[in-house]
PDB file of all heavy atoms in Angstrom:
ATOM      1  N   VAL A   1      59.189 124.660  89.406  1.00  0.00           N
ATOM      2  CA  VAL A   1      58.288 124.157  90.428  1.00  0.00           C
ATOM      3  C   VAL A   1      57.967 125.376  91.280  1.00  0.00           C
ATOM      4  O   VAL A   1      58.858 125.961  91.895  1.00  0.00           O
ATOM      5  CB  VAL A   1      58.921 123.029  91.264  1.00  0.00           C
ATOM      6  CG1 VAL A   1      57.967 122.604  92.371  1.00  0.00           C
ATOM      7  CG2 VAL A   1      59.290 121.846  90.376  1.00  0.00           C
ATOM      8  N   ILE A   2      56.707 125.774  91.271  1.00  0.00           N
ATOM      9  CA  ILE A   2      56.273 127.002  91.936  1.00  0.00           C
ATOM     10  C   ILE A   2      55.468 126.641  93.175  1.00  0.00           C
ATOM     11  O   ILE A   2      54.441 125.972  93.085  1.00  0.00           O
ATOM     12  CB  ILE A   2      55.411 127.866  90.991  1.00  0.00           C
ATOM     13  CG1 ILE A   2      56.161 128.172  89.693  1.00  0.00           C
ATOM     14  CG2 ILE A   2      54.969 129.139  91.695  1.00  0.00           C
ATOM     15  CD1 ILE A   2      55.292 128.792  88.601  1.00  0.00           C
ATOM     16  N   SER A   3      55.944 127.082  94.330  1.00  0.00           N
ATOM     17  CA  SER A   3      55.211 126.924  95.589  1.00  0.00           C
ATOM     18  C   SER A   3      54.547 128.255  95.888  1.00  0.00           C
ATOM     19  O   SER A   3      55.238 129.274  95.985  1.00  0.00           O
ATOM     20  CB  SER A   3      56.168 126.567  96.732  1.00  0.00           C
ATOM     21  OG  SER A   3      56.851 125.385  96.446  1.00  0.00           O
ATOM     22  N   VAL A   4      53.242 128.244  96.011  1.00  0.00           N
ATOM     23  CA  VAL A   4      52.537 129.500  96.274  1.00  0.00           C
ATOM     24  C   VAL A   4      52.018 129.540  97.706  1.00  0.00           C
ATOM     25  O   VAL A   4      51.737 128.508  98.305  1.00  0.00           O
ATOM     26  CB  VAL A   4      51.377 129.744  95.276  1.00  0.00           C
ATOM     27  CG1 VAL A   4      51.894 129.847  93.864  1.00  0.00           C
ATOM     28  CG2 VAL A   4      50.317 128.679  95.370  1.00  0.00           C
ATOM     29  N   GLY A   5      51.908 130.735  98.227  1.00  0.00           N
ATOM     30  CA  GLY A   5      51.386 130.914  99.574  1.00  0.00           C
ATOM     31  C   GLY A   5      49.990 130.327  99.699  1.00  0.00           C
ATOM     32  O   GLY A   5      49.222 130.295  98.728  1.00  0.00           O
ATOM     33  N   GLY A   6      49.664 129.880 100.889  1.00  0.00           N
ATOM     34  CA  GLY A   6      48.386 129.214 101.120  1.00  0.00           C
ATOM     35  C   GLY A   6      47.163 130.040 100.779  1.00  0.00           C
ATOM     36  O   GLY A   6      46.127 129.502 100.388  1.00  0.00           O
ATOM     37  N   GLY A   7      47.260 131.364 100.907  1.00  0.00           N
ATOM     38  CA  GLY A   7      46.119 132.227 100.625  1.00  0.00           C
ATOM     39  C   GLY A   7      46.088 132.784  99.223  1.00  0.00           C
ATOM     40  O   GLY A   7      45.162 133.524  98.861  1.00  0.00           O
ATOM     41  N   ALA A   8      47.045 132.428  98.390  1.00  0.00           N
ATOM     42  CA  ALA A   8      47.092 132.956  97.023  1.00  0.00           C
ATOM     43  C   ALA A   8      45.836 132.596  96.238  1.00  0.00           C
ATOM     44  O   ALA A   8      45.420 133.333  95.344  1.00  0.00           O
ATOM     45  CB  ALA A   8      48.330 132.448  96.295  1.00  0.00           C
ATOM     46  N   VAL A   9      45.215 131.473  96.597  1.00  0.00           N
ATOM     47  CA  VAL A   9      44.014 131.024  95.879  1.00  0.00           C
ATOM     48  C   VAL A   9      42.797 131.893  96.144  1.00  0.00           C
ATOM     49  O   VAL A   9      41.782 131.757  95.462  1.00  0.00           O
ATOM     50  CB  VAL A   9      43.682 129.556  96.218  1.00  0.00           C
ATOM     51  CG1 VAL A   9      44.795 128.631  95.781  1.00  0.00           C
ATOM     52  CG2 VAL A   9      43.357 129.385  97.699  1.00  0.00           C
ATOM     53  N   LEU A  10      42.882 132.789  97.104  1.00  0.00           N
ATOM     54  CA  LEU A  10      41.742 133.660  97.413  1.00  0.00           C
ATOM     55  C   LEU A  10      41.424 134.608  96.259  1.00  0.00           C
ATOM     56  O   LEU A  10      40.304 135.066  96.116  1.00  0.00           O
ATOM     57  CB  LEU A  10      42.013 134.463  98.686  1.00  0.00           C
ATOM     58  CG  LEU A  10      42.161 133.636  99.966  1.00  0.00           C
ATOM     59  CD1 LEU A  10      42.632 134.520 101.117  1.00  0.00           C
ATOM     60  CD2 LEU A  10      40.856 132.937 100.310  1.00  0.00           C
ATOM     61  N   SER A  11      42.419 134.887  95.429  1.00  0.00           N
ATOM     62  CA  SER A  11      42.255 135.793  94.295  1.00  0.00           C
ATOM     63  C   SER A  11      41.933 135.011  93.029  1.00  0.00           C
ATOM     64  O   SER A  11      42.693 134.125  92.631  1.00  0.00           O
ATOM     65  CB  SER A  11      43.549 136.593  94.093  1.00  0.00           C
ATOM     66  OG  SER A  11      43.609 137.128  92.795  1.00  0.00           O
ATOM     67  N   GLU A  12      40.831 135.364  92.386  1.00  0.00           N
ATOM     68  CA  GLU A  12      40.483 134.722  91.120  1.00  0.00           C
ATOM     69  C   GLU A  12      41.559 134.983  90.068  1.00  0.00           C
ATOM     70  O   GLU A  12      41.886 134.106  89.259  1.00  0.00           O
ATOM     71  CB  GLU A  12      39.130 135.223  90.623  1.00  0.00           C
ATOM     72  CG  GLU A  12      38.669 134.540  89.366  1.00  0.00           C
ATOM     73  CD  GLU A  12      37.283 134.964  88.921  1.00  0.00           C
ATOM     74  OE1 GLU A  12      36.665 135.830  89.568  1.00  0.00           O
ATOM     75  OE2 GLU A  12      36.817 134.425  87.898  1.00  0.00           O
ATOM     76  N   GLN A  13      42.129 136.174  90.097  1.00  0.00           N
ATOM     77  CA  GLN A  13      43.208 136.505  89.162  1.00  0.00           C
ATOM     78  C   GLN A  13      44.392 135.556  89.350  1.00  0.00           C
ATOM     79  O   GLN A  13      44.970 135.066  88.382  1.00  0.00           O
ATOM     80  CB  GLN A  13      43.645 137.958  89.369  1.00  0.00           C
ATOM     81  CG  GLN A  13      44.706 138.424  88.400  1.00  0.00           C
ATOM     82  CD  GLN A  13      45.080 139.888  88.621  1.00  0.00           C
ATOM     83  OE1 GLN A  13      44.559 140.566  89.502  1.00  0.00           O
ATOM     84  NE2 GLN A  13      45.998 140.376  87.808  1.00  0.00           N
ATOM     85  N   ASN A  14      44.745 135.283  90.599  1.00  0.00           N
ATOM     86  CA  ASN A  14      45.839 134.344  90.872  1.00  0.00           C
ATOM     87  C   ASN A  14      45.480 132.938  90.408  1.00  0.00           C
ATOM     88  O   ASN A  14      46.298 132.251  89.796  1.00  0.00           O
ATOM     89  CB  ASN A  14      46.184 134.313  92.359  1.00  0.00           C
ATOM     90  CG  ASN A  14      46.825 135.591  92.850  1.00  0.00           C
ATOM     91  OD1 ASN A  14      47.261 136.426  92.064  1.00  0.00           O
ATOM     92  ND2 ASN A  14      46.863 135.747  94.159  1.00  0.00           N
ATOM     93  N   ARG A  15      44.262 132.506  90.715  1.00  0.00           N
ATOM     94  CA  ARG A  15      43.850 131.156  90.314  1.00  0.00           C
ATOM     95  C   ARG A  15      43.929 131.002  88.793  1.00  0.00           C
ATOM     96  O   ARG A  15      44.427 129.996  88.288  1.00  0.00           O
ATOM     97  CB  ARG A  15      42.440 130.835  90.819  1.00  0.00           C
ATOM     98  CG  ARG A  15      42.354 130.691  92.334  1.00  0.00           C
ATOM     99  CD  ARG A  15      41.043 130.086  92.809  1.00  0.00           C
ATOM    100  NE  ARG A  15      39.843 130.699  92.295  1.00  0.00           N
ATOM    101  CZ  ARG A  15      39.226 131.770  92.819  1.00  0.00           C
ATOM    102  NH1 ARG A  15      39.733 132.368  93.894  1.00  0.00           N
ATOM    103  NH2 ARG A  15      38.119 132.237  92.290  1.00  0.00           N
ATOM    104  N   ASN A  16      43.458 131.998  88.068  1.00  0.00           N
ATOM    105  CA  ASN A  16      43.505 131.930  86.603  1.00  0.00           C
ATOM    106  C   ASN A  16      44.944 131.883  86.091  1.00  0.00           C
ATOM    107  O   ASN A  16      45.264 131.105  85.202  1.00  0.00           O
ATOM    108  CB  ASN A  16      42.754 133.104  85.984  1.00  0.00           C
ATOM    109  CG  ASN A  16      41.260 132.996  86.182  1.00  0.00           C
ATOM    110  OD1 ASN A  16      40.709 131.904  86.369  1.00  0.00           O
ATOM    111  ND2 ASN A  16      40.584 134.131  86.160  1.00  0.00           N
ATOM    112  N   ALA A  17      45.792 132.727  86.662  1.00  0.00           N
ATOM    113  CA  ALA A  17      47.202 132.760  86.231  1.00  0.00           C
ATOM    114  C   ALA A  17      47.893 131.433  86.522  1.00  0.00           C
ATOM    115  O   ALA A  17      48.642 130.918  85.684  1.00  0.00           O
ATOM    116  CB  ALA A  17      47.936 133.907  86.922  1.00  0.00           C
ATOM    117  N   LEU A  18      47.646 130.871  87.684  1.00  0.00           N
ATOM    118  CA  LEU A  18      48.283 129.604  88.055  1.00  0.00           C
ATOM    119  C   LEU A  18      47.760 128.456  87.195  1.00  0.00           C
ATOM    120  O   LEU A  18      48.534 127.609  86.732  1.00  0.00           O
ATOM    121  CB  LEU A  18      48.063 129.319  89.541  1.00  0.00           C
ATOM    122  CG  LEU A  18      48.752 130.309  90.490  1.00  0.00           C
ATOM    123  CD1 LEU A  18      48.241 130.138  91.912  1.00  0.00           C
ATOM    124  CD2 LEU A  18      50.257 130.184  90.428  1.00  0.00           C
ATOM    125  N   ARG A  19      46.466 128.436  86.960  1.00  0.00           N
ATOM    126  CA  ARG A  19      45.858 127.393  86.130  1.00  0.00           C
ATOM    127  C   ARG A  19      46.468 127.404  84.726  1.00  0.00           C
ATOM    128  O   ARG A  19      46.765 126.363  84.151  1.00  0.00           O
ATOM    129  CB  ARG A  19      44.353 127.613  86.049  1.00  0.00           C
ATOM    130  CG  ARG A  19      43.584 126.541  85.318  1.00  0.00           C
ATOM    131  CD  ARG A  19      42.085 126.827  85.269  1.00  0.00           C
ATOM    132  NE  ARG A  19      41.487 126.849  86.602  1.00  0.00           N
ATOM    133  CZ  ARG A  19      41.027 127.965  87.202  1.00  0.00           C
ATOM    134  NH1 ARG A  19      41.099 129.137  86.605  1.00  0.00           N
ATOM    135  NH2 ARG A  19      40.486 127.897  88.401  1.00  0.00           N
ATOM    136  N   ASP A  20      46.661 128.598  84.196  1.00  0.00           N
ATOM    137  CA  ASP A  20      47.220 128.735  82.850  1.00  0.00           C
ATOM    138  C   ASP A  20      48.714 128.430  82.791  1.00  0.00           C
ATOM    139  O   ASP A  20      49.245 128.160  81.718  1.00  0.00           O
ATOM    140  CB  ASP A  20      46.989 130.157  82.315  1.00  0.00           C
ATOM    141  CG  ASP A  20      45.524 130.439  82.044  1.00  0.00           C
ATOM    142  OD1 ASP A  20      44.713 129.485  81.969  1.00  0.00           O
ATOM    143  OD2 ASP A  20      45.183 131.635  81.910  1.00  0.00           O
ATOM    144  N   ALA A  21      49.393 128.476  83.925  1.00  0.00           N
ATOM    145  CA  ALA A  21      50.848 128.353  83.958  1.00  0.00           C
ATOM    146  C   ALA A  21      51.350 126.919  84.028  1.00  0.00           C
ATOM    147  O   ALA A  21      52.534 126.673  83.816  1.00  0.00           O
ATOM    148  CB  ALA A  21      51.417 129.142  85.133  1.00  0.00           C
ATOM    149  N   GLY A  22      50.480 125.977  84.356  1.00  0.00           N
ATOM    150  CA  GLY A  22      50.966 124.606  84.446  1.00  0.00           C
ATOM    151  C   GLY A  22      50.055 123.700  85.228  1.00  0.00           C
ATOM    152  O   GLY A  22      48.869 123.981  85.409  1.00  0.00           O
ATOM    153  N   LEU A  23      50.618 122.629  85.713  1.00  0.00           N
ATOM    154  CA  LEU A  23      49.898 121.597  86.440  1.00  0.00           C
ATOM    155  C   LEU A  23      49.828 121.975  87.920  1.00  0.00           C
ATOM    156  O   LEU A  23      50.863 122.119  88.579  1.00  0.00           O
ATOM    157  CB  LEU A  23      50.621 120.258  86.281  1.00  0.00           C
ATOM    158  CG  LEU A  23      50.006 119.064  86.984  1.00  0.00           C
ATOM    159  CD1 LEU A  23      48.710 118.657  86.289  1.00  0.00           C
ATOM    160  CD2 LEU A  23      50.990 117.903  86.980  1.00  0.00           C
ATOM    161  N   CYS A  24      48.621 122.129  88.434  1.00  0.00           N
ATOM    162  CA  CYS A  24      48.429 122.507  89.840  1.00  0.00           C
ATOM    163  C   CYS A  24      48.172 121.259  90.678  1.00  0.00           C
ATOM    164  O   CYS A  24      47.246 120.488  90.395  1.00  0.00           O
ATOM    165  CB  CYS A  24      47.257 123.473  89.976  1.00  0.00           C
ATOM    166  SG  CYS A  24      47.548 125.054  89.165  1.00  0.00           S
ATOM    167  N   ILE A  25      48.995 121.094  91.693  1.00  0.00           N
ATOM    168  CA  ILE A  25      48.887 119.942  92.589  1.00  0.00           C
ATOM    169  C   ILE A  25      48.638 120.458  94.003  1.00  0.00           C
ATOM    170  O   ILE A  25      49.403 121.264  94.523  1.00  0.00           O
ATOM    171  CB  ILE A  25      50.159 119.081  92.546  1.00  0.00           C
ATOM    172  CG1 ILE A  25      50.359 118.548  91.113  1.00  0.00           C
ATOM    173  CG2 ILE A  25      50.081 117.946  93.559  1.00  0.00           C
ATOM    174  CD1 ILE A  25      51.632 117.774  90.911  1.00  0.00           C
ATOM    175  N   TRP A  26      47.565 119.975  94.600  1.00  0.00           N
ATOM    176  CA  TRP A  26      47.164 120.371  95.948  1.00  0.00           C
ATOM    177  C   TRP A  26      47.761 119.376  96.940  1.00  0.00           C
ATOM    178  O   TRP A  26      47.433 118.196  96.912  1.00  0.00           O
ATOM    179  CB  TRP A  26      45.648 120.397  96.023  1.00  0.00           C
ATOM    180  CG  TRP A  26      45.039 120.698  97.351  1.00  0.00           C
ATOM    181  CD1 TRP A  26      45.629 121.226  98.448  1.00  0.00           C
ATOM    182  CD2 TRP A  26      43.669 120.502  97.692  1.00  0.00           C
ATOM    183  NE1 TRP A  26      44.717 121.373  99.470  1.00  0.00           N
ATOM    184  CE2 TRP A  26      43.501 120.933  99.024  1.00  0.00           C
ATOM    185  CE3 TRP A  26      42.572 119.997  97.009  1.00  0.00           C
ATOM    186  CZ2 TRP A  26      42.273 120.873  99.679  1.00  0.00           C
ATOM    187  CZ3 TRP A  26      41.345 119.945  97.659  1.00  0.00           C
ATOM    188  CH2 TRP A  26      41.202 120.388  98.977  1.00  0.00           C
ATOM    189  N   LEU A  27      48.653 119.867  97.785  1.00  0.00           N
ATOM    190  CA  LEU A  27      49.227 119.055  98.855  1.00  0.00           C
ATOM    191  C   LEU A  27      48.344 119.219 100.086  1.00  0.00           C
ATOM    192  O   LEU A  27      48.060 120.343 100.504  1.00  0.00           O
ATOM    193  CB  LEU A  27      50.656 119.491  99.157  1.00  0.00           C
ATOM    194  CG  LEU A  27      51.649 119.421  97.991  1.00  0.00           C
ATOM    195  CD1 LEU A  27      53.043 119.820  98.455  1.00  0.00           C
ATOM    196  CD2 LEU A  27      51.648 118.065  97.320  1.00  0.00           C
ATOM    197  N   THR A  28      47.902 118.100 100.648  1.00  0.00           N
ATOM    198  CA  THR A  28      46.960 118.150 101.765  1.00  0.00           C
ATOM    199  C   THR A  28      47.500 117.428 102.994  1.00  0.00           C
ATOM    200  O   THR A  28      48.355 116.560 102.893  1.00  0.00           O
ATOM    201  CB  THR A  28      45.607 117.507 101.386  1.00  0.00           C
ATOM    202  OG1 THR A  28      45.812 116.110 101.160  1.00  0.00           O
ATOM    203  CG2 THR A  28      45.002 118.148 100.166  1.00  0.00           C
ATOM    204  N   ALA A  29      46.952 117.810 104.130  1.00  0.00           N
ATOM    205  CA  ALA A  29      47.203 117.149 105.413  1.00  0.00           C
ATOM    206  C   ALA A  29      46.085 117.600 106.349  1.00  0.00           C
ATOM    207  O   ALA A  29      45.508 118.674 106.151  1.00  0.00           O
ATOM    208  CB  ALA A  29      48.569 117.531 105.979  1.00  0.00           C
TER     209      ALA A  29
END
């Protein structure tokens, strides 16, 4: 279970790596 920093999504490289690594769940409030 990987918790990533809130700004990690700013990088397309990070988004691609995370998308390929598993199920991405957005926790909101």
